[in-house]
Full PDB file with SEQRES, HELIX, SHEET, SSBOND, CRYST1, ORIGX, SCALE, CONECT and MASTER records, all heavy atoms in Angstrom:
SEQRES   1 A   29  ALA ILE GLN PHE TYR ARG LEU GLY LEU ALA GLU GLU ALA          
SEQRES   2 A   29  PRO ARG LEU VAL PHE ALA ALA ILE ASP PRO ARG THR GLU          
SEQRES   3 A   29  MET LEU GLY                                                  
HELIX    1 AA1 ILE A    2  LEU A    9  1                                   8    
CRYST1    1.000    1.000    1.000  90.00  90.00  90.00 P 1           1          
ORIGX1      1.000000  0.000000  0.000000        0.00000                         
ORIGX2      0.000000  1.000000  0.000000        0.00000                         
ORIGX3      0.000000  0.000000  1.000000        0.00000                         
SCALE1      1.000000  0.000000  0.000000        0.00000                         
SCALE2      0.000000  1.000000  0.000000        0.00000                         
SCALE3      0.000000  0.000000  1.000000        0.00000                         
ATOM      1  N   ALA A   1       6.506   3.483  16.406  1.00  0.00           N  
ATOM      2  CA  ALA A   1       5.800   2.205  16.581  1.00  0.00           C  
ATOM      3  C   ALA A   1       4.284   2.402  16.487  1.00  0.00           C  
ATOM      4  O   ALA A   1       3.564   1.601  15.855  1.00  0.00           O  
ATOM      5  CB  ALA A   1       6.160   1.592  17.938  1.00  0.00           C  
ATOM      6  N   ILE A   2       3.773   3.474  17.082  1.00  0.00           N  
ATOM      7  CA  ILE A   2       2.346   3.782  17.003  1.00  0.00           C  
ATOM      8  C   ILE A   2       1.922   4.045  15.564  1.00  0.00           C  
ATOM      9  O   ILE A   2       0.881   3.562  15.102  1.00  0.00           O  
ATOM     10  CB  ILE A   2       2.011   4.995  17.896  1.00  0.00           C  
ATOM     11  CG1 ILE A   2       2.171   4.614  19.365  1.00  0.00           C  
ATOM     12  CG2 ILE A   2       0.588   5.495  17.624  1.00  0.00           C  
ATOM     13  CD1 ILE A   2       2.071   5.794  20.313  1.00  0.00           C  
ATOM     14  N   GLN A   3       2.756   4.807  14.826  1.00  0.00           N  
ATOM     15  CA  GLN A   3       2.446   5.102  13.436  1.00  0.00           C  
ATOM     16  C   GLN A   3       2.460   3.829  12.582  1.00  0.00           C  
ATOM     17  O   GLN A   3       1.604   3.642  11.704  1.00  0.00           O  
ATOM     18  CB  GLN A   3       3.428   6.132  12.881  1.00  0.00           C  
ATOM     19  CG  GLN A   3       3.173   6.555  11.453  1.00  0.00           C  
ATOM     20  CD  GLN A   3       1.904   7.382  11.277  1.00  0.00           C  
ATOM     21  OE1 GLN A   3       1.057   7.456  12.155  1.00  0.00           O  
ATOM     22  NE2 GLN A   3       1.778   8.005  10.110  1.00  0.00           N  
ATOM     23  N   PHE A   4       3.427   2.953  12.849  1.00  0.00           N  
ATOM     24  CA  PHE A   4       3.473   1.669  12.158  1.00  0.00           C  
ATOM     25  C   PHE A   4       2.186   0.879  12.398  1.00  0.00           C  
ATOM     26  O   PHE A   4       1.610   0.284  11.479  1.00  0.00           O  
ATOM     27  CB  PHE A   4       4.678   0.845  12.644  1.00  0.00           C  
ATOM     28  CG  PHE A   4       5.789   0.763  11.645  1.00  0.00           C  
ATOM     29  CD1 PHE A   4       6.617   1.859  11.426  1.00  0.00           C  
ATOM     30  CD2 PHE A   4       6.021  -0.389  10.928  1.00  0.00           C  
ATOM     31  CE1 PHE A   4       7.643   1.795  10.508  1.00  0.00           C  
ATOM     32  CE2 PHE A   4       7.049  -0.459   9.991  1.00  0.00           C  
ATOM     33  CZ  PHE A   4       7.863   0.633   9.780  1.00  0.00           C  
ATOM     34  N   TYR A   5       1.739   0.875  13.646  1.00  0.00           N  
ATOM     35  CA  TYR A   5       0.532   0.133  14.014  1.00  0.00           C  
ATOM     36  C   TYR A   5      -0.690   0.710  13.303  1.00  0.00           C  
ATOM     37  O   TYR A   5      -1.515  -0.034  12.747  1.00  0.00           O  
ATOM     38  CB  TYR A   5       0.340   0.190  15.530  1.00  0.00           C  
ATOM     39  CG  TYR A   5      -0.893  -0.509  16.018  1.00  0.00           C  
ATOM     40  CD1 TYR A   5      -0.996  -1.899  16.028  1.00  0.00           C  
ATOM     41  CD2 TYR A   5      -1.982   0.239  16.480  1.00  0.00           C  
ATOM     42  CE1 TYR A   5      -2.133  -2.540  16.478  1.00  0.00           C  
ATOM     43  CE2 TYR A   5      -3.139  -0.385  16.925  1.00  0.00           C  
ATOM     44  CZ  TYR A   5      -3.199  -1.778  16.926  1.00  0.00           C  
ATOM     45  OH  TYR A   5      -4.343  -2.410  17.359  1.00  0.00           O  
ATOM     46  N   ARG A   6      -0.802   2.034  13.283  1.00  0.00           N  
ATOM     47  CA  ARG A   6      -1.948   2.677  12.626  1.00  0.00           C  
ATOM     48  C   ARG A   6      -1.959   2.390  11.129  1.00  0.00           C  
ATOM     49  O   ARG A   6      -3.004   2.068  10.550  1.00  0.00           O  
ATOM     50  CB  ARG A   6      -1.889   4.199  12.849  1.00  0.00           C  
ATOM     51  CG  ARG A   6      -2.158   4.633  14.275  1.00  0.00           C  
ATOM     52  CD  ARG A   6      -2.051   6.143  14.437  1.00  0.00           C  
ATOM     53  NE  ARG A   6      -3.033   6.845  13.623  1.00  0.00           N  
ATOM     54  CZ  ARG A   6      -2.723   7.562  12.546  1.00  0.00           C  
ATOM     55  NH1 ARG A   6      -1.475   7.670  12.146  1.00  0.00           N  
ATOM     56  NH2 ARG A   6      -3.675   8.176  11.868  1.00  0.00           N  
ATOM     57  N   LEU A   7      -0.793   2.489  10.493  1.00  0.00           N  
ATOM     58  CA  LEU A   7      -0.715   2.232   9.063  1.00  0.00           C  
ATOM     59  C   LEU A   7      -0.956   0.765   8.759  1.00  0.00           C  
ATOM     60  O   LEU A   7      -1.535   0.420   7.718  1.00  0.00           O  
ATOM     61  CB  LEU A   7       0.651   2.668   8.528  1.00  0.00           C  
ATOM     62  CG  LEU A   7       0.934   4.175   8.561  1.00  0.00           C  
ATOM     63  CD1 LEU A   7       2.386   4.457   8.214  1.00  0.00           C  
ATOM     64  CD2 LEU A   7       0.004   4.926   7.592  1.00  0.00           C  
ATOM     65  N   GLY A   8      -0.505  -0.104   9.659  1.00  0.00           N  
ATOM     66  CA  GLY A   8      -0.750  -1.533   9.472  1.00  0.00           C  
ATOM     67  C   GLY A   8      -2.231  -1.860   9.524  1.00  0.00           C  
ATOM     68  O   GLY A   8      -2.720  -2.685   8.730  1.00  0.00           O  
ATOM     69  N   LEU A   9      -2.958  -1.231  10.460  1.00  0.00           N  
ATOM     70  CA  LEU A   9      -4.397  -1.433  10.544  1.00  0.00           C  
ATOM     71  C   LEU A   9      -5.093  -0.978   9.266  1.00  0.00           C  
ATOM     72  O   LEU A   9      -6.118  -1.539   8.857  1.00  0.00           O  
ATOM     73  CB  LEU A   9      -4.976  -0.681  11.747  1.00  0.00           C  
ATOM     74  CG  LEU A   9      -4.639  -1.232  13.144  1.00  0.00           C  
ATOM     75  CD1 LEU A   9      -5.267  -0.355  14.223  1.00  0.00           C  
ATOM     76  CD2 LEU A   9      -5.130  -2.684  13.282  1.00  0.00           C  
ATOM     77  N   ALA A  10      -4.536   0.061   8.642  1.00  0.00           N  
ATOM     78  CA  ALA A  10      -5.101   0.576   7.392  1.00  0.00           C  
ATOM     79  C   ALA A  10      -4.617  -0.212   6.178  1.00  0.00           C  
ATOM     80  O   ALA A  10      -4.931   0.155   5.037  1.00  0.00           O  
ATOM     81  CB  ALA A  10      -4.757   2.045   7.231  1.00  0.00           C  
ATOM     82  N   GLU A  11      -3.853  -1.288   6.428  1.00  0.00           N  
ATOM     83  CA  GLU A  11      -3.330  -2.162   5.377  1.00  0.00           C  
ATOM     84  C   GLU A  11      -2.491  -1.408   4.348  1.00  0.00           C  
ATOM     85  O   GLU A  11      -2.583  -1.639   3.143  1.00  0.00           O  
ATOM     86  CB  GLU A  11      -4.477  -2.906   4.680  1.00  0.00           C  
ATOM     87  CG  GLU A  11      -5.274  -3.806   5.626  1.00  0.00           C  
ATOM     88  CD  GLU A  11      -6.364  -4.588   4.911  1.00  0.00           C  
ATOM     89  OE1 GLU A  11      -6.627  -4.290   3.732  1.00  0.00           O  
ATOM     90  OE2 GLU A  11      -6.917  -5.506   5.533  1.00  0.00           O  
ATOM     91  N   GLU A  12      -1.670  -0.481   4.844  1.00  0.00           N  
ATOM     92  CA  GLU A  12      -0.785   0.280   3.955  1.00  0.00           C  
ATOM     93  C   GLU A  12       0.622  -0.303   3.877  1.00  0.00           C  
ATOM     94  O   GLU A  12       1.495   0.273   3.223  1.00  0.00           O  
ATOM     95  CB  GLU A  12      -0.729   1.752   4.402  1.00  0.00           C  
ATOM     96  CG  GLU A  12      -2.052   2.479   4.243  1.00  0.00           C  
ATOM     97  CD  GLU A  12      -1.895   3.989   4.368  1.00  0.00           C  
ATOM     98  OE1 GLU A  12      -0.903   4.524   3.814  1.00  0.00           O  
ATOM     99  OE2 GLU A  12      -2.736   4.627   5.011  1.00  0.00           O  
ATOM    100  N   ALA A  13       0.876  -1.404   4.575  1.00  0.00           N  
ATOM    101  CA  ALA A  13       2.166  -2.099   4.527  1.00  0.00           C  
ATOM    102  C   ALA A  13       3.344  -1.151   4.742  1.00  0.00           C  
ATOM    103  O   ALA A  13       4.187  -0.970   3.849  1.00  0.00           O  
ATOM    104  CB  ALA A  13       2.316  -2.825   3.196  1.00  0.00           C  
ATOM    105  N   PRO A  14       3.454  -0.551   5.917  1.00  0.00           N  
ATOM    106  CA  PRO A  14       4.561   0.398   6.158  1.00  0.00           C  
ATOM    107  C   PRO A  14       5.897  -0.316   6.321  1.00  0.00           C  
ATOM    108  O   PRO A  14       5.965  -1.480   6.746  1.00  0.00           O  
ATOM    109  CB  PRO A  14       4.146   1.058   7.478  1.00  0.00           C  
ATOM    110  CG  PRO A  14       3.353   0.005   8.188  1.00  0.00           C  
ATOM    111  CD  PRO A  14       2.584  -0.697   7.097  1.00  0.00           C  
ATOM    112  N   ARG A  15       6.965   0.373   5.977  1.00  0.00           N  
ATOM    113  CA  ARG A  15       8.313  -0.137   6.244  1.00  0.00           C  
ATOM    114  C   ARG A  15       9.213   1.032   6.583  1.00  0.00           C  
ATOM    115  O   ARG A  15       9.027   2.157   6.080  1.00  0.00           O  
ATOM    116  CB  ARG A  15       8.863  -0.921   5.059  1.00  0.00           C  
ATOM    117  CG  ARG A  15       9.128  -0.128   3.807  1.00  0.00           C  
ATOM    118  CD  ARG A  15       9.514  -1.034   2.648  1.00  0.00           C  
ATOM    119  NE  ARG A  15       9.899  -0.279   1.456  1.00  0.00           N  
ATOM    120  CZ  ARG A  15      11.157   0.034   1.143  1.00  0.00           C  
ATOM    121  NH1 ARG A  15      12.150  -0.353   1.937  1.00  0.00           N  
ATOM    122  NH2 ARG A  15      11.437   0.711   0.051  1.00  0.00           N  
ATOM    123  N   LEU A  16      10.181   0.761   7.458  1.00  0.00           N  
ATOM    124  CA  LEU A  16      11.099   1.800   7.896  1.00  0.00           C  
ATOM    125  C   LEU A  16      12.264   1.905   6.920  1.00  0.00           C  
ATOM    126  O   LEU A  16      12.879   0.892   6.565  1.00  0.00           O  
ATOM    127  CB  LEU A  16      11.618   1.492   9.305  1.00  0.00           C  
ATOM    128  CG  LEU A  16      12.490   2.572   9.958  1.00  0.00           C  
ATOM    129  CD1 LEU A  16      11.665   3.836  10.210  1.00  0.00           C  
ATOM    130  CD2 LEU A  16      13.069   2.060  11.275  1.00  0.00           C  
ATOM    131  N   VAL A  17      12.564   3.122   6.497  1.00  0.00           N  
ATOM    132  CA  VAL A  17      13.659   3.359   5.549  1.00  0.00           C  
ATOM    133  C   VAL A  17      14.668   4.313   6.172  1.00  0.00           C  
ATOM    134  O   VAL A  17      14.298   5.384   6.666  1.00  0.00           O  
ATOM    135  CB  VAL A  17      13.109   3.965   4.237  1.00  0.00           C  
ATOM    136  CG1 VAL A  17      14.260   4.277   3.279  1.00  0.00           C  
ATOM    137  CG2 VAL A  17      12.118   3.024   3.585  1.00  0.00           C  
ATOM    138  N   PHE A  18      15.923   3.891   6.169  1.00  0.00           N  
ATOM    139  CA  PHE A  18      17.006   4.744   6.644  1.00  0.00           C  
ATOM    140  C   PHE A  18      17.647   5.433   5.432  1.00  0.00           C  
ATOM    141  O   PHE A  18      18.432   4.851   4.701  1.00  0.00           O  
ATOM    142  CB  PHE A  18      18.060   3.917   7.400  1.00  0.00           C  
ATOM    143  CG  PHE A  18      19.286   4.684   7.781  1.00  0.00           C  
ATOM    144  CD1 PHE A  18      19.227   5.743   8.670  1.00  0.00           C  
ATOM    145  CD2 PHE A  18      20.525   4.354   7.231  1.00  0.00           C  
ATOM    146  CE1 PHE A  18      20.366   6.443   9.024  1.00  0.00           C  
ATOM    147  CE2 PHE A  18      21.673   5.045   7.575  1.00  0.00           C  
ATOM    148  CZ  PHE A  18      21.590   6.102   8.471  1.00  0.00           C  
ATOM    149  N   ALA A  19      17.245   6.657   5.208  1.00  0.00           N  
ATOM    150  CA  ALA A  19      17.756   7.414   4.057  1.00  0.00           C  
ATOM    151  C   ALA A  19      17.400   8.882   4.221  1.00  0.00           C  
ATOM    152  O   ALA A  19      16.315   9.222   4.728  1.00  0.00           O  
ATOM    153  CB  ALA A  19      17.177   6.885   2.752  1.00  0.00           C  
ATOM    154  N   ALA A  20      18.298   9.743   3.815  1.00  0.00           N  
ATOM    155  CA  ALA A  20      18.020  11.182   3.820  1.00  0.00           C  
ATOM    156  C   ALA A  20      17.406  11.584   2.493  1.00  0.00           C  
ATOM    157  O   ALA A  20      17.695  10.985   1.452  1.00  0.00           O  
ATOM    158  CB  ALA A  20      19.314  11.959   4.068  1.00  0.00           C  
ATOM    159  N   ILE A  21      16.552  12.595   2.524  1.00  0.00           N  
ATOM    160  CA  ILE A  21      15.909  13.090   1.302  1.00  0.00           C  
ATOM    161  C   ILE A  21      16.823  14.128   0.646  1.00  0.00           C  
ATOM    162  O   ILE A  21      17.262  15.074   1.292  1.00  0.00           O  
ATOM    163  CB  ILE A  21      14.537  13.701   1.620  1.00  0.00           C  
ATOM    164  CG1 ILE A  21      13.614  12.634   2.224  1.00  0.00           C  
ATOM    165  CG2 ILE A  21      13.913  14.310   0.366  1.00  0.00           C  
ATOM    166  CD1 ILE A  21      12.259  13.181   2.635  1.00  0.00           C  
ATOM    167  N   ASP A  22      17.096  13.930  -0.613  1.00  0.00           N  
ATOM    168  CA  ASP A  22      17.912  14.876  -1.375  1.00  0.00           C  
ATOM    169  C   ASP A  22      17.038  16.075  -1.721  1.00  0.00           C  
ATOM    170  O   ASP A  22      16.059  15.939  -2.470  1.00  0.00           O  
ATOM    171  CB  ASP A  22      18.416  14.201  -2.660  1.00  0.00           C  
ATOM    172  CG  ASP A  22      19.428  15.055  -3.390  1.00  0.00           C  
ATOM    173  OD1 ASP A  22      19.437  16.282  -3.219  1.00  0.00           O  
ATOM    174  OD2 ASP A  22      20.233  14.486  -4.160  1.00  0.00           O  
ATOM    175  N   PRO A  23      17.340  17.272  -1.189  1.00  0.00           N  
ATOM    176  CA  PRO A  23      16.494  18.448  -1.455  1.00  0.00           C  
ATOM    177  C   PRO A  23      16.458  18.860  -2.914  1.00  0.00           C  
ATOM    178  O   PRO A  23      15.539  19.538  -3.352  1.00  0.00           O  
ATOM    179  CB  PRO A  23      17.133  19.534  -0.579  1.00  0.00           C  
ATOM    180  CG  PRO A  23      18.537  19.078  -0.360  1.00  0.00           C  
ATOM    181  CD  PRO A  23      18.486  17.596  -0.337  1.00  0.00           C  
ATOM    182  N   ARG A  24      17.457  18.438  -3.682  1.00  0.00           N  
ATOM    183  CA  ARG A  24      17.494  18.814  -5.103  1.00  0.00           C  
ATOM    184  C   ARG A  24      16.502  18.003  -5.925  1.00  0.00           C  
ATOM    185  O   ARG A  24      15.923  18.507  -6.883  1.00  0.00           O  
ATOM    186  CB  ARG A  24      18.903  18.616  -5.662  1.00  0.00           C  
ATOM    187  CG  ARG A  24      19.969  19.508  -5.049  1.00  0.00           C  
ATOM    188  CD  ARG A  24      21.353  19.058  -5.398  1.00  0.00           C  
ATOM    189  NE  ARG A  24      21.629  17.714  -4.881  1.00  0.00           N  
ATOM    190  CZ  ARG A  24      22.780  17.074  -5.027  1.00  0.00           C  
ATOM    191  NH1 ARG A  24      23.769  17.644  -5.690  1.00  0.00           N  
ATOM    192  NH2 ARG A  24      22.953  15.861  -4.529  1.00  0.00           N  
ATOM    193  N   THR A  25      16.313  16.747  -5.563  1.00  0.00           N  
ATOM    194  CA  THR A  25      15.437  15.860  -6.339  1.00  0.00           C  
ATOM    195  C   THR A  25      14.184  15.440  -5.591  1.00  0.00           C  
ATOM    196  O   THR A  25      13.272  14.884  -6.195  1.00  0.00           O  
ATOM    197  CB  THR A  25      16.206  14.578  -6.718  1.00  0.00           C  
ATOM    198  OG1 THR A  25      16.572  13.872  -5.514  1.00  0.00           O  
ATOM    199  CG2 THR A  25      17.478  14.922  -7.492  1.00  0.00           C  
ATOM    200  N   GLU A  26      14.142  15.748  -4.253  1.00  0.00           N  
ATOM    201  CA  GLU A  26      13.028  15.307  -3.406  1.00  0.00           C  
ATOM    202  C   GLU A  26      12.902  13.788  -3.374  1.00  0.00           C  
ATOM    203  O   GLU A  26      11.827  13.259  -3.089  1.00  0.00           O  
ATOM    204  CB  GLU A  26      11.698  15.936  -3.873  1.00  0.00           C  
ATOM    205  CG  GLU A  26      11.659  17.458  -3.781  1.00  0.00           C  
ATOM    206  CD  GLU A  26      11.787  17.949  -2.355  1.00  0.00           C  
ATOM    207  OE1 GLU A  26      11.254  17.288  -1.445  1.00  0.00           O  
ATOM    208  OE2 GLU A  26      12.438  19.001  -2.155  1.00  0.00           O  
ATOM    209  N   MET A  27      13.997  13.099  -3.648  1.00  0.00           N  
ATOM    210  CA  MET A  27      14.025  11.641  -3.617  1.00  0.00           C  
ATOM    211  C   MET A  27      14.956  11.173  -2.502  1.00  0.00           C  
ATOM    212  O   MET A  27      15.797  11.946  -2.021  1.00  0.00           O  
ATOM    213  CB  MET A  27      14.494  11.076  -4.961  1.00  0.00           C  
ATOM    214  CG  MET A  27      13.621  11.492  -6.158  1.00  0.00           C  
ATOM    215  SD  MET A  27      11.931  10.840  -6.044  1.00  0.00           S  
ATOM    216  CE  MET A  27      12.262   9.081  -6.297  1.00  0.00           C  
ATOM    217  N   LEU A  28      14.812   9.897  -2.109  1.00  0.00           N  
ATOM    218  CA  LEU A  28      15.667   9.343  -1.078  1.00  0.00           C  
ATOM    219  C   LEU A  28      17.073   9.117  -1.623  1.00  0.00           C  
ATOM    220  O   LEU A  28      17.244   8.550  -2.699  1.00  0.00           O  
ATOM    221  CB  LEU A  28      15.082   8.028  -0.555  1.00  0.00           C  
ATOM    222  CG  LEU A  28      13.727   8.123   0.152  1.00  0.00           C  
ATOM    223  CD1 LEU A  28      13.232   6.733   0.522  1.00  0.00           C  
ATOM    224  CD2 LEU A  28      13.837   8.998   1.381  1.00  0.00           C  
ATOM    225  N   GLY A  29      18.091   9.530  -0.869  1.00  0.00           N  
ATOM    226  CA  GLY A  29      19.462   9.334  -1.273  1.00  0.00           C  
ATOM    227  C   GLY A  29      19.986   7.980  -0.842  1.00  0.00           C  
ATOM    228  O   GLY A  29      19.341   7.254  -0.075  1.00  0.00           O  
TER     229      GLY A  29                                                      
MASTER        0    0    0    1    0    0    0    6  228    1    0    3          
END                                                                             
C-alpha cells in the first residue's frame, strides 16, 4: 500500500498484477 501511494504521487499509475515471472522468458506467465 505504501509503495502504491509513492508511485501514485509520482504519477506512475501503478496496478497490482497476480502473475508469476517465467524465468525462461523473464515475462509474466
